[in-house]
Amino acid sequence: MNLFRTSLALVLGLALVAVTQAADTPKLIERTDKEPTNDKEFLIRAIACEVAEVKFAELARKRANDPDVRALAETLSSDHMKTRDSLMQSARRMKLAVLEGLEKDKQDEYNRLSKLEGKDFDREYLRFLGRAHEKSNSLYTKWSKDATDADLREQTKAAVSKVKDHMERVKKLSARLKD
């Protein structure tokens, strides 16, 4: 009987470890390069962008050398979590299941950045932010006008404002760190 209990405890313990490890492993999402044609496709794309921004900001909070880069990462993490949560509410309201993970190209970029340190990390993270926010700005600006759902239009208008603020901060910080 003791052998049975020990075996059962071992099996249950291994199952728990496997579940925990699976939860810690980032999910990869196939990237689609086609532009969204409806509100649901937009939500899928936008949520993927927001998830990536949060993950990259969390990495920067740990790895950034410059205190201003860490402070920016803190702001980005908070702002993008709020936007992601807001978009997820719309997705639930539209009965849309969205997988929260990283697209393969973003996972590759994350892996590349995670190997960098110091000023190299700061510089490359800011470059990533510049590119990512330019894309987000275009996407959100378009859908702030094109979304058929009124709540979604309002969410994207608020996101455009935040993205523009982030872009301005990234530009100023990039210029300062070039010296």
Protein backbone atom coordinates (compact mmCIF):
# COMPACT_ATOMS: atom_id res chain seq x y z
CA MET A 1 0.00 0.00 0.00
CA ASN A 2 2.83 2.41 0.84
CA LEU A 3 4.47 1.65 -2.50
CA PHE A 4 1.18 2.45 -4.23
CA ARG A 5 0.85 5.79 -2.38
CA THR A 6 4.47 6.68 -3.13
CA SER A 7 4.01 5.83 -6.81
CA LEU A 8 0.77 7.78 -7.01
CA ALA A 9 2.37 10.80 -5.33
CA LEU A 10 5.31 10.61 -7.73
CA VAL A 11 3.03 10.42 -10.79
CA LEU A 12 0.88 13.31 -9.56
CA GLY A 13 3.99 15.34 -8.76
CA LEU A 14 5.41 14.78 -12.25
CA ALA A 15 2.08 15.71 -13.81
CA LEU A 16 2.06 18.95 -11.82
CA VAL A 17 5.61 19.75 -12.95
CA ALA A 18 4.67 19.07 -16.59
CA VAL A 19 1.63 21.34 -16.34
CA THR A 20 3.68 24.08 -14.67
CA GLN A 21 6.41 23.83 -17.28
CA ALA A 22 3.86 23.91 -20.09
CA ALA A 23 2.33 27.06 -18.60
CA ASP A 24 5.76 28.72 -18.42
CA THR A 25 6.63 27.92 -22.03
CA PRO A 26 5.54 30.75 -24.33
CA LYS A 27 3.06 29.69 -26.94
CA LEU A 28 4.00 30.40 -30.54
CA ILE A 29 1.36 31.78 -32.84
CA GLU A 30 1.61 31.49 -36.59
CA ARG A 31 2.04 34.95 -38.04
CA THR A 32 -0.31 36.15 -40.73
CA ASP A 33 0.94 39.01 -42.82
CA LYS A 34 -2.42 39.80 -44.33
CA GLU A 35 -4.12 42.93 -43.11
CA PRO A 36 -7.18 42.44 -40.91
CA THR A 37 -10.44 42.72 -42.85
CA ASN A 38 -12.90 42.71 -39.94
CA ASP A 39 -13.10 43.51 -36.25
CA LYS A 40 -12.31 39.95 -35.14
CA GLU A 41 -9.20 39.70 -37.31
CA PHE A 42 -8.12 43.10 -36.00
CA LEU A 43 -8.58 41.92 -32.40
CA ILE A 44 -6.46 38.85 -33.01
CA ARG A 45 -3.65 40.96 -34.49
CA ALA A 46 -3.90 43.73 -31.89
CA ILE A 47 -3.95 41.36 -28.93
CA ALA A 48 -0.89 39.55 -30.31
CA CYS A 49 0.89 42.93 -30.52
CA GLU A 50 -0.09 43.85 -26.97
CA VAL A 51 0.99 40.48 -25.57
CA ALA A 52 4.38 40.91 -27.28
CA GLU A 53 4.80 44.45 -25.96
CA VAL A 54 4.16 43.27 -22.39
CA LYS A 55 6.61 40.36 -22.68
CA PHE A 56 9.32 42.59 -24.17
CA ALA A 57 8.73 45.24 -21.51
CA GLU A 58 9.08 42.62 -18.78
CA LEU A 59 12.38 41.52 -20.32
CA ALA A 60 13.57 45.15 -20.44
CA ARG A 61 12.62 45.72 -16.82
CA LYS A 62 15.08 42.96 -15.93
CA ARG A 63 17.85 43.53 -18.48
CA ALA A 64 17.97 47.24 -19.27
CA ASN A 65 21.13 49.05 -18.23
CA ASP A 66 19.84 52.62 -18.35
CA PRO A 67 17.38 53.59 -15.58
CA ASP A 68 15.29 55.59 -18.08
CA VAL A 69 14.95 52.51 -20.30
CA ARG A 70 13.80 50.51 -17.27
CA ALA A 71 11.32 53.26 -16.35
CA LEU A 72 9.99 53.30 -19.92
CA ALA A 73 9.63 49.51 -19.80
CA GLU A 74 7.66 49.82 -16.57
CA THR A 75 5.27 52.31 -18.22
CA LEU A 76 4.96 50.20 -21.36
CA SER A 77 4.21 47.08 -19.37
CA SER A 78 1.41 48.79 -17.50
CA ASP A 79 -0.06 50.61 -20.52
CA HIS A 80 0.04 47.58 -22.80
CA MET A 81 -1.49 45.31 -20.14
CA LYS A 82 -4.41 47.72 -19.84
CA THR A 83 -4.85 47.86 -23.61
CA ARG A 84 -4.57 44.06 -23.89
CA ASP A 85 -7.15 43.57 -21.14
CA SER A 86 -9.52 46.02 -22.78
CA LEU A 87 -9.17 44.29 -26.15
CA MET A 88 -9.64 40.88 -24.50
CA GLN A 89 -12.96 42.12 -23.08
CA SER A 90 -14.07 43.01 -26.59
CA ALA A 91 -12.91 39.62 -27.84
CA ARG A 92 -14.95 37.87 -25.13
CA ARG A 93 -17.96 40.04 -25.92
CA MET A 94 -17.64 39.03 -29.59
CA LYS A 95 -17.24 35.38 -28.51
CA LEU A 96 -13.75 35.26 -29.96
CA ALA A 97 -11.18 32.96 -28.38
CA VAL A 98 -7.71 34.46 -28.63
CA LEU A 99 -4.54 32.52 -27.88
CA GLU A 100 -2.11 34.69 -25.93
CA GLY A 101 1.37 33.89 -27.16
CA LEU A 102 4.19 35.22 -29.29
CA GLU A 103 4.31 35.05 -33.05
CA LYS A 104 7.38 33.19 -34.29
CA ASP A 105 9.15 36.33 -35.53
CA LYS A 106 8.55 38.07 -32.21
CA GLN A 107 9.78 35.02 -30.28
CA ASP A 108 12.94 35.05 -32.40
CA GLU A 109 13.44 38.75 -31.65
CA TYR A 110 12.78 38.13 -27.95
CA ASN A 111 15.39 35.37 -27.92
CA ARG A 112 17.89 37.63 -29.70
CA LEU A 113 17.33 40.49 -27.25
CA SER A 114 17.50 38.23 -24.22
CA LYS A 115 21.12 37.41 -25.11
CA LEU A 116 22.18 41.06 -25.07
CA GLU A 117 23.40 43.04 -22.09
CA GLY A 118 24.04 46.63 -21.06
CA LYS A 119 24.02 49.37 -23.65
CA ASP A 120 23.66 46.84 -26.47
CA PHE A 121 20.40 45.63 -24.95
CA ASP A 122 19.12 49.18 -24.41
CA ARG A 123 19.91 50.24 -27.98
CA GLU A 124 18.38 47.14 -29.60
CA TYR A 125 15.31 47.20 -27.35
CA LEU A 126 14.65 50.82 -28.31
CA ARG A 127 15.04 49.93 -32.00
CA PHE A 128 12.52 47.13 -31.55
CA LEU A 129 10.14 49.52 -29.79
CA GLY A 130 10.42 52.07 -32.59
CA ARG A 131 9.55 49.50 -35.27
CA ALA A 132 6.81 47.83 -33.23
CA HIS A 133 5.14 51.11 -32.28
CA GLU A 134 5.21 52.37 -35.88
CA LYS A 135 3.32 49.23 -36.93
CA SER A 136 0.93 49.50 -34.00
CA ASN A 137 0.27 53.15 -34.75
CA SER A 138 -0.68 52.34 -38.35
CA LEU A 139 -2.88 49.43 -37.31
CA TYR A 140 -4.69 51.29 -34.53
CA THR A 141 -5.12 54.49 -36.55
CA LYS A 142 -6.77 52.55 -39.37
CA TRP A 143 -9.09 50.61 -37.05
CA SER A 144 -9.99 53.69 -35.00
CA LYS A 145 -11.89 54.67 -38.17
CA ASP A 146 -12.73 51.29 -39.74
CA ALA A 147 -13.95 49.23 -36.77
CA THR A 148 -17.65 48.47 -37.06
CA ASP A 149 -17.98 47.99 -33.30
CA ALA A 150 -18.32 51.37 -31.55
CA ASP A 151 -16.58 50.19 -28.35
CA LEU A 152 -13.69 48.85 -30.39
CA ARG A 153 -13.34 52.18 -32.22
CA GLU A 154 -13.08 53.95 -28.86
CA GLN A 155 -10.53 51.45 -27.57
CA THR A 156 -8.36 51.93 -30.65
CA LYS A 157 -8.57 55.72 -30.39
CA ALA A 158 -7.29 55.47 -26.81
CA ALA A 159 -4.56 53.07 -27.97
CA VAL A 160 -3.44 55.48 -30.72
CA SER A 161 -2.92 58.17 -28.10
CA LYS A 162 -0.83 55.86 -25.90
CA VAL A 163 1.20 54.53 -28.86
CA LYS A 164 2.05 58.06 -30.00
CA ASP A 165 3.14 58.97 -26.49
CA HIS A 166 5.32 55.85 -26.37
CA MET A 167 6.83 56.64 -29.78
CA GLU A 168 7.79 60.12 -28.63
CA ARG A 169 9.45 58.79 -25.48
CA VAL A 170 11.32 56.13 -27.47
CA LYS A 171 12.62 58.74 -29.93
CA LYS A 172 13.86 61.04 -27.17
CA LEU A 173 15.50 58.22 -25.27
CA SER A 174 17.09 56.77 -28.42
CA ALA A 175 18.55 60.16 -29.28
CA ARG A 176 19.98 60.56 -25.78
CA LEU A 177 21.54 57.08 -25.75
CA LYS A 178 23.23 57.52 -29.13
CA ASP A 179 25.89 59.69 -27.47
